[in-house]
């Protein structure tokens, strides 16, 4: 398994759940769920699982269960999947993709 550690700035209570650019060094993610009873954290894990094509059990909330600043761990099945995920995160954050073969 290959691990992607992803710093997140969560914004609960949004109209829809989606990646929304960079917030410092973190990926800003808008969450449609409210920040009560762990609903926003569950929505974040569900979003990450769908976004990276893994099961919910492959996504862990490492830090930040009760705050906006969070760190997710996404367990990916291969090095190729890790590179694809890293490129997707860069795109969401508005960074230029690395050249083919780079990384």
C-alpha atoms as a PDB file:
ATOM      1  CA  UNK A   1       0.000   0.000   0.000  1.00  0.00           C
ATOM      2  CA  UNK A   2       1.085   3.542  -0.747  1.00  0.00           C
ATOM      3  CA  UNK A   3       0.111   6.385   1.551  1.00  0.00           C
ATOM      4  CA  UNK A   4      -1.033   9.886   0.626  1.00  0.00           C
ATOM      5  CA  UNK A   5      -1.084  12.238   3.633  1.00  0.00           C
ATOM      6  CA  UNK A   6      -3.365  15.102   2.801  1.00  0.00           C
ATOM      7  CA  UNK A   7      -3.696  18.287   4.886  1.00  0.00           C
ATOM      8  CA  UNK A   8      -7.296  19.529   4.689  1.00  0.00           C
ATOM      9  CA  UNK A   9      -8.983  22.803   5.589  1.00  0.00           C
ATOM     10  CA  UNK A  10     -12.622  21.751   6.000  1.00  0.00           C
ATOM     11  CA  UNK A  11     -15.540  24.120   5.504  1.00  0.00           C
ATOM     12  CA  UNK A  12     -18.706  22.386   6.755  1.00  0.00           C
ATOM     13  CA  UNK A  13     -22.234  23.513   5.981  1.00  0.00           C
ATOM     14  CA  UNK A  14     -21.613  24.207   2.268  1.00  0.00           C
ATOM     15  CA  UNK A  15     -24.188  23.670  -0.476  1.00  0.00           C
ATOM     16  CA  UNK A  16     -22.253  20.696  -1.855  1.00  0.00           C
ATOM     17  CA  UNK A  17     -19.173  18.656  -1.023  1.00  0.00           C
ATOM     18  CA  UNK A  18     -16.222  19.504  -3.270  1.00  0.00           C
ATOM     19  CA  UNK A  19     -12.557  20.448  -3.424  1.00  0.00           C
ATOM     20  CA  UNK A  20     -12.269  24.241  -3.434  1.00  0.00           C
ATOM     21  CA  UNK A  21      -8.639  25.195  -3.997  1.00  0.00           C
ATOM     22  CA  UNK A  22      -5.794  25.825  -1.614  1.00  0.00           C
ATOM     23  CA  UNK A  23      -5.843  27.216   1.917  1.00  0.00           C
ATOM     24  CA  UNK A  24      -2.171  27.767   2.680  1.00  0.00           C
ATOM     25  CA  UNK A  25      -0.540  24.352   2.279  1.00  0.00           C
ATOM     26  CA  UNK A  26      -3.849  22.507   2.766  1.00  0.00           C
ATOM     27  CA  UNK A  27      -6.549  21.495   0.327  1.00  0.00           C
ATOM     28  CA  UNK A  28      -9.774  23.363   1.073  1.00  0.00           C
ATOM     29  CA  UNK A  29     -12.760  21.011   0.970  1.00  0.00           C
ATOM     30  CA  UNK A  30     -16.313  22.306   1.252  1.00  0.00           C
ATOM     31  CA  UNK A  31     -18.582  19.834   3.034  1.00  0.00           C
ATOM     32  CA  UNK A  32     -22.348  19.723   2.643  1.00  0.00           C
ATOM     33  CA  UNK A  33     -22.683  18.095   6.068  1.00  0.00           C
ATOM     34  CA  UNK A  34     -23.007  20.149   9.268  1.00  0.00           C
ATOM     35  CA  UNK A  35     -20.200  20.065  11.859  1.00  0.00           C
ATOM     36  CA  UNK A  36     -22.208  18.049  14.392  1.00  0.00           C
ATOM     37  CA  UNK A  37     -22.024  14.446  15.594  1.00  0.00           C
ATOM     38  CA  UNK A  38     -19.104  13.657  13.280  1.00  0.00           C
ATOM     39  CA  UNK A  39     -21.228  14.219  10.154  1.00  0.00           C
ATOM     40  CA  UNK A  40     -18.692  16.533   8.512  1.00  0.00           C
ATOM     41  CA  UNK A  41     -15.845  14.080   9.174  1.00  0.00           C
ATOM     42  CA  UNK A  42     -17.913  11.228   7.707  1.00  0.00           C
ATOM     43  CA  UNK A  43     -18.697  13.354   4.647  1.00  0.00           C
ATOM     44  CA  UNK A  44     -15.004  14.187   4.231  1.00  0.00           C
ATOM     45  CA  UNK A  45     -14.016  10.518   4.370  1.00  0.00           C
ATOM     46  CA  UNK A  46     -16.775   9.599   1.901  1.00  0.00           C
ATOM     47  CA  UNK A  47     -15.682  12.398  -0.462  1.00  0.00           C
ATOM     48  CA  UNK A  48     -12.009  11.346  -0.300  1.00  0.00           C
ATOM     49  CA  UNK A  49     -12.876   7.689  -0.922  1.00  0.00           C
ATOM     50  CA  UNK A  50     -14.885   8.595  -4.017  1.00  0.00           C
ATOM     51  CA  UNK A  51     -12.356  11.170  -5.241  1.00  0.00           C
ATOM     52  CA  UNK A  52      -9.436   8.742  -5.050  1.00  0.00           C
ATOM     53  CA  UNK A  53     -11.346   5.601  -6.043  1.00  0.00           C
ATOM     54  CA  UNK A  54     -10.771   3.691  -2.813  1.00  0.00           C
ATOM     55  CA  UNK A  55     -13.034   2.244  -0.137  1.00  0.00           C
ATOM     56  CA  UNK A  56     -13.960   4.308   2.929  1.00  0.00           C
ATOM     57  CA  UNK A  57     -11.856   1.922   5.012  1.00  0.00           C
ATOM     58  CA  UNK A  58      -8.786   3.054   3.013  1.00  0.00           C
ATOM     59  CA  UNK A  59      -9.238   6.642   4.259  1.00  0.00           C
ATOM     60  CA  UNK A  60      -8.272   7.608   7.824  1.00  0.00           C
ATOM     61  CA  UNK A  61      -8.658  10.865   9.702  1.00  0.00           C
ATOM     62  CA  UNK A  62      -5.242  11.174  11.372  1.00  0.00           C
ATOM     63  CA  UNK A  63      -5.646  14.573  13.031  1.00  0.00           C
ATOM     64  CA  UNK A  64      -8.271  17.244  13.512  1.00  0.00           C
ATOM     65  CA  UNK A  65     -11.465  15.374  14.369  1.00  0.00           C
ATOM     66  CA  UNK A  66     -12.943  18.448  16.067  1.00  0.00           C
ATOM     67  CA  UNK A  67     -11.408  21.296  14.056  1.00  0.00           C
ATOM     68  CA  UNK A  68     -11.236  22.644  10.523  1.00  0.00           C
ATOM     69  CA  UNK A  69      -7.550  21.747  10.086  1.00  0.00           C
ATOM     70  CA  UNK A  70      -7.379  18.015   9.421  1.00  0.00           C
ATOM     71  CA  UNK A  71      -4.971  15.452   8.050  1.00  0.00           C
ATOM     72  CA  UNK A  72      -6.269  12.523   6.013  1.00  0.00           C
ATOM     73  CA  UNK A  73      -4.350   9.375   5.169  1.00  0.00           C
ATOM     74  CA  UNK A  74      -5.445   7.744   1.931  1.00  0.00           C
ATOM     75  CA  UNK A  75      -4.127   4.213   1.352  1.00  0.00           C
ATOM     76  CA  UNK A  76      -3.665   3.659  -2.375  1.00  0.00           C
ATOM     77  CA  UNK A  77      -3.059   0.289  -4.042  1.00  0.00           C
ATOM     78  CA  UNK A  78      -0.039   1.195  -6.193  1.00  0.00           C
ATOM     79  CA  UNK A  79       2.675   3.741  -6.842  1.00  0.00           C
ATOM     80  CA  UNK A  80       0.864   4.699 -10.052  1.00  0.00           C
ATOM     81  CA  UNK A  81      -2.342   5.389  -8.103  1.00  0.00           C
ATOM     82  CA  UNK A  82      -0.317   7.512  -5.659  1.00  0.00           C
ATOM     83  CA  UNK A  83       1.148   9.609  -8.505  1.00  0.00           C
ATOM     84  CA  UNK A  84      -2.316  10.065 -10.043  1.00  0.00           C
ATOM     85  CA  UNK A  85      -3.716  11.130  -6.645  1.00  0.00           C
ATOM     86  CA  UNK A  86      -0.872  13.592  -6.079  1.00  0.00           C
ATOM     87  CA  UNK A  87      -1.460  15.119  -9.518  1.00  0.00           C
ATOM     88  CA  UNK A  88      -5.184  15.432  -8.766  1.00  0.00           C
ATOM     89  CA  UNK A  89      -4.454  17.227  -5.474  1.00  0.00           C
ATOM     90  CA  UNK A  90      -2.102  19.647  -7.263  1.00  0.00           C
ATOM     91  CA  UNK A  91      -4.819  20.361  -9.829  1.00  0.00           C
ATOM     92  CA  UNK A  92      -7.433  20.995  -7.120  1.00  0.00           C
ATOM     93  CA  UNK A  93      -5.045  23.355  -5.358  1.00  0.00           C
ATOM     94  CA  UNK A  94      -4.354  25.240  -8.586  1.00  0.00           C
ATOM     95  CA  UNK A  95      -0.743  24.142  -9.009  1.00  0.00           C
ATOM     96  CA  UNK A  96       0.689  23.266 -12.408  1.00  0.00           C
ATOM     97  CA  UNK A  97       1.020  19.553 -13.071  1.00  0.00           C
ATOM     98  CA  UNK A  98       4.529  18.163 -13.098  1.00  0.00           C
ATOM     99  CA  UNK A  99       5.972  17.160 -16.475  1.00  0.00           C
ATOM    100  CA  UNK A 100       5.289  13.628 -17.710  1.00  0.00           C
ATOM    101  CA  UNK A 101       7.626  11.191 -16.053  1.00  0.00           C
ATOM    102  CA  UNK A 102       8.414  13.646 -13.244  1.00  0.00           C
ATOM    103  CA  UNK A 103       7.550  13.215  -9.631  1.00  0.00           C
END
